[in-house]
């Protein structure tokens, strides 16, 4: 089987919610996506350059013969999170990166406490999902 790394560049749109965003991504979002077809692992990184276009990078590693099917599985699981109140409203995609390769430092999940029992609003679903569209 072929191996793929799918990179998602993102930002938290509210600097006052960075800690909440990171706790959500690590303790809620990644586990929610863990059932994606062919997903082997997922890791997150942060770019400490204050001028970076994308502060965060998530790398999803797949082992599959059909990467499009695996990505659709990943997108489907993410979409299922909205009606369940399990998607955060302060995330945006950051796809317009400069030609320079950013250097990211891995985020240690052990350094983040899980969030309290929360129910994130689905009001921002269309905005967030459109910021991650492919094309």
C-alpha atoms as a PDB file:
ATOM      1  CA  UNK A   1       0.000   0.000   0.000  1.00  0.00           C
ATOM      2  CA  UNK A   2       1.059   3.542  -0.650  1.00  0.00           C
ATOM      3  CA  UNK A   3       1.748   6.013   2.184  1.00  0.00           C
ATOM      4  CA  UNK A   4       0.630   9.622   2.043  1.00  0.00           C
ATOM      5  CA  UNK A   5       1.080  12.644   4.284  1.00  0.00           C
ATOM      6  CA  UNK A   6      -1.833  15.041   4.082  1.00  0.00           C
ATOM      7  CA  UNK A   7      -0.906  18.464   5.429  1.00  0.00           C
ATOM      8  CA  UNK A   8      -3.494  20.873   6.805  1.00  0.00           C
ATOM      9  CA  UNK A   9      -2.322  24.406   7.518  1.00  0.00           C
ATOM     10  CA  UNK A  10      -4.537  26.420   9.845  1.00  0.00           C
ATOM     11  CA  UNK A  11      -4.826  29.360  12.186  1.00  0.00           C
ATOM     12  CA  UNK A  12      -6.853  30.161  15.265  1.00  0.00           C
ATOM     13  CA  UNK A  13      -8.892  33.272  14.435  1.00  0.00           C
ATOM     14  CA  UNK A  14      -9.111  34.438  18.067  1.00  0.00           C
ATOM     15  CA  UNK A  15      -5.752  34.884  19.850  1.00  0.00           C
ATOM     16  CA  UNK A  16      -7.512  34.834  23.225  1.00  0.00           C
ATOM     17  CA  UNK A  17      -8.675  31.257  22.451  1.00  0.00           C
ATOM     18  CA  UNK A  18      -5.332  29.712  21.351  1.00  0.00           C
ATOM     19  CA  UNK A  19      -5.157  27.369  24.363  1.00  0.00           C
ATOM     20  CA  UNK A  20      -8.785  26.298  23.871  1.00  0.00           C
ATOM     21  CA  UNK A  21      -8.145  25.753  20.146  1.00  0.00           C
ATOM     22  CA  UNK A  22      -5.112  23.555  20.831  1.00  0.00           C
ATOM     23  CA  UNK A  23      -6.889  21.521  23.518  1.00  0.00           C
ATOM     24  CA  UNK A  24      -9.871  21.006  21.173  1.00  0.00           C
ATOM     25  CA  UNK A  25      -7.694  20.003  18.213  1.00  0.00           C
ATOM     26  CA  UNK A  26      -5.596  17.553  20.223  1.00  0.00           C
ATOM     27  CA  UNK A  27      -8.216  16.016  22.504  1.00  0.00           C
ATOM     28  CA  UNK A  28     -11.400  16.200  20.408  1.00  0.00           C
ATOM     29  CA  UNK A  29     -10.720  16.761  16.705  1.00  0.00           C
ATOM     30  CA  UNK A  30      -7.880  14.294  16.142  1.00  0.00           C
ATOM     31  CA  UNK A  31      -9.689  11.475  17.996  1.00  0.00           C
ATOM     32  CA  UNK A  32     -12.888  12.240  16.020  1.00  0.00           C
ATOM     33  CA  UNK A  33     -10.945  11.838  12.759  1.00  0.00           C
ATOM     34  CA  UNK A  34      -9.013   8.750  13.860  1.00  0.00           C
ATOM     35  CA  UNK A  35     -11.493   6.398  12.130  1.00  0.00           C
ATOM     36  CA  UNK A  36     -10.701   7.789   8.666  1.00  0.00           C
ATOM     37  CA  UNK A  37     -10.041   5.040   6.153  1.00  0.00           C
ATOM     38  CA  UNK A  38      -6.328   4.253   5.984  1.00  0.00           C
ATOM     39  CA  UNK A  39      -5.298   6.803   8.622  1.00  0.00           C
ATOM     40  CA  UNK A  40      -2.141   5.617  10.365  1.00  0.00           C
ATOM     41  CA  UNK A  41      -1.241   8.660  12.459  1.00  0.00           C
ATOM     42  CA  UNK A  42      -1.788  12.364  12.930  1.00  0.00           C
ATOM     43  CA  UNK A  43       0.587  14.925  14.434  1.00  0.00           C
ATOM     44  CA  UNK A  44       0.367  18.661  15.008  1.00  0.00           C
ATOM     45  CA  UNK A  45       3.025  21.321  14.767  1.00  0.00           C
ATOM     46  CA  UNK A  46       3.261  25.013  15.514  1.00  0.00           C
ATOM     47  CA  UNK A  47       5.279  27.597  13.574  1.00  0.00           C
ATOM     48  CA  UNK A  48       6.829  29.976  16.083  1.00  0.00           C
ATOM     49  CA  UNK A  49       7.575  32.623  13.426  1.00  0.00           C
ATOM     50  CA  UNK A  50       5.183  35.527  14.200  1.00  0.00           C
ATOM     51  CA  UNK A  51       5.129  36.478  10.486  1.00  0.00           C
ATOM     52  CA  UNK A  52       4.064  33.015   9.333  1.00  0.00           C
ATOM     53  CA  UNK A  53       1.004  32.681   7.105  1.00  0.00           C
ATOM     54  CA  UNK A  54       0.031  29.471   8.897  1.00  0.00           C
ATOM     55  CA  UNK A  55       0.690  29.057  12.588  1.00  0.00           C
ATOM     56  CA  UNK A  56      -0.400  25.402  12.773  1.00  0.00           C
ATOM     57  CA  UNK A  57       0.264  22.309  10.701  1.00  0.00           C
ATOM     58  CA  UNK A  58      -1.511  18.969  11.080  1.00  0.00           C
ATOM     59  CA  UNK A  59       0.057  16.050   9.222  1.00  0.00           C
ATOM     60  CA  UNK A  60      -2.235  13.102   8.601  1.00  0.00           C
ATOM     61  CA  UNK A  61      -0.383   9.955   7.524  1.00  0.00           C
ATOM     62  CA  UNK A  62      -2.357   7.512   5.407  1.00  0.00           C
ATOM     63  CA  UNK A  63      -1.591   4.022   4.186  1.00  0.00           C
ATOM     64  CA  UNK A  64      -3.980   3.359   1.317  1.00  0.00           C
ATOM     65  CA  UNK A  65      -4.284   2.507  -2.352  1.00  0.00           C
ATOM     66  CA  UNK A  66      -7.017   5.126  -2.766  1.00  0.00           C
ATOM     67  CA  UNK A  67      -6.023   8.446  -1.199  1.00  0.00           C
ATOM     68  CA  UNK A  68      -9.103  10.246  -2.533  1.00  0.00           C
ATOM     69  CA  UNK A  69     -11.375   7.752  -0.772  1.00  0.00           C
ATOM     70  CA  UNK A  70      -9.352   8.183   2.432  1.00  0.00           C
ATOM     71  CA  UNK A  71      -9.562  11.981   2.228  1.00  0.00           C
ATOM     72  CA  UNK A  72     -13.311  11.802   1.633  1.00  0.00           C
ATOM     73  CA  UNK A  73     -13.543   9.597   4.727  1.00  0.00           C
ATOM     74  CA  UNK A  74     -11.588  12.204   6.708  1.00  0.00           C
ATOM     75  CA  UNK A  75     -13.771  15.069   5.418  1.00  0.00           C
ATOM     76  CA  UNK A  76     -16.918  13.077   6.171  1.00  0.00           C
ATOM     77  CA  UNK A  77     -15.877  12.487   9.774  1.00  0.00           C
ATOM     78  CA  UNK A  78     -15.076  16.203  10.160  1.00  0.00           C
ATOM     79  CA  UNK A  79     -18.495  17.132   8.745  1.00  0.00           C
ATOM     80  CA  UNK A  80     -20.223  14.769  11.206  1.00  0.00           C
ATOM     81  CA  UNK A  81     -18.734  16.780  14.072  1.00  0.00           C
ATOM     82  CA  UNK A  82     -20.718  19.960  13.326  1.00  0.00           C
ATOM     83  CA  UNK A  83     -24.214  18.753  14.257  1.00  0.00           C
ATOM     84  CA  UNK A  84     -22.762  17.073  17.357  1.00  0.00           C
ATOM     85  CA  UNK A  85     -21.260  20.374  18.572  1.00  0.00           C
ATOM     86  CA  UNK A  86     -17.737  18.943  18.330  1.00  0.00           C
ATOM     87  CA  UNK A  87     -16.186  21.460  15.917  1.00  0.00           C
ATOM     88  CA  UNK A  88     -14.663  24.722  17.081  1.00  0.00           C
ATOM     89  CA  UNK A  89     -15.642  28.067  15.538  1.00  0.00           C
ATOM     90  CA  UNK A  90     -12.251  29.825  15.681  1.00  0.00           C
ATOM     91  CA  UNK A  91     -10.357  27.791  13.065  1.00  0.00           C
ATOM     92  CA  UNK A  92      -9.523  28.856   9.526  1.00  0.00           C
ATOM     93  CA  UNK A  93      -7.572  27.187   6.782  1.00  0.00           C
ATOM     94  CA  UNK A  94      -4.322  28.782   5.664  1.00  0.00           C
ATOM     95  CA  UNK A  95      -3.600  27.461   2.181  1.00  0.00           C
ATOM     96  CA  UNK A  96      -1.831  30.457   0.623  1.00  0.00           C
ATOM     97  CA  UNK A  97       1.657  29.827   1.923  1.00  0.00           C
ATOM     98  CA  UNK A  98       4.773  31.535   0.655  1.00  0.00           C
ATOM     99  CA  UNK A  99       7.343  29.508  -1.282  1.00  0.00           C
ATOM    100  CA  UNK A 100       9.537  29.252   1.843  1.00  0.00           C
ATOM    101  CA  UNK A 101       9.226  26.014   3.792  1.00  0.00           C
ATOM    102  CA  UNK A 102       8.122  26.847   7.350  1.00  0.00           C
ATOM    103  CA  UNK A 103       9.861  25.149  10.268  1.00  0.00           C
ATOM    104  CA  UNK A 104       7.315  23.715  12.705  1.00  0.00           C
ATOM    105  CA  UNK A 105       7.804  22.478  16.244  1.00  0.00           C
ATOM    106  CA  UNK A 106       5.655  19.533  17.355  1.00  0.00           C
ATOM    107  CA  UNK A 107       2.902  20.312  19.891  1.00  0.00           C
ATOM    108  CA  UNK A 108       3.203  17.996  22.883  1.00  0.00           C
ATOM    109  CA  UNK A 109      -0.295  16.632  23.612  1.00  0.00           C
ATOM    110  CA  UNK A 110       0.760  15.855  27.195  1.00  0.00           C
ATOM    111  CA  UNK A 111       1.138  19.601  27.811  1.00  0.00           C
ATOM    112  CA  UNK A 112      -2.569  20.251  27.168  1.00  0.00           C
ATOM    113  CA  UNK A 113      -5.406  19.451  29.532  1.00  0.00           C
ATOM    114  CA  UNK A 114      -8.631  18.229  27.920  1.00  0.00           C
ATOM    115  CA  UNK A 115     -11.342  20.894  27.626  1.00  0.00           C
ATOM    116  CA  UNK A 116     -14.379  20.902  29.865  1.00  0.00           C
ATOM    117  CA  UNK A 117     -17.567  19.322  28.526  1.00  0.00           C
ATOM    118  CA  UNK A 118     -18.441  21.803  25.771  1.00  0.00           C
ATOM    119  CA  UNK A 119     -20.863  22.085  22.881  1.00  0.00           C
ATOM    120  CA  UNK A 120     -19.393  24.222  20.109  1.00  0.00           C
ATOM    121  CA  UNK A 121     -21.843  26.127  17.961  1.00  0.00           C
ATOM    122  CA  UNK A 122     -22.326  24.984  14.386  1.00  0.00           C
ATOM    123  CA  UNK A 123     -23.069  28.555  13.196  1.00  0.00           C
ATOM    124  CA  UNK A 124     -19.636  28.911  11.617  1.00  0.00           C
ATOM    125  CA  UNK A 125     -19.665  25.536   9.809  1.00  0.00           C
ATOM    126  CA  UNK A 126     -19.915  26.905   6.266  1.00  0.00           C
ATOM    127  CA  UNK A 127     -17.171  29.482   6.812  1.00  0.00           C
ATOM    128  CA  UNK A 128     -14.743  27.000   8.352  1.00  0.00           C
ATOM    129  CA  UNK A 129     -15.484  24.237   5.846  1.00  0.00           C
ATOM    130  CA  UNK A 130     -15.117  26.592   2.868  1.00  0.00           C
ATOM    131  CA  UNK A 131     -11.736  27.747   4.141  1.00  0.00           C
ATOM    132  CA  UNK A 132     -10.526  24.141   3.709  1.00  0.00           C
ATOM    133  CA  UNK A 133     -11.998  23.482   0.265  1.00  0.00           C
ATOM    134  CA  UNK A 134      -9.693  21.946  -2.344  1.00  0.00           C
ATOM    135  CA  UNK A 135      -9.851  24.123  -5.360  1.00  0.00           C
END
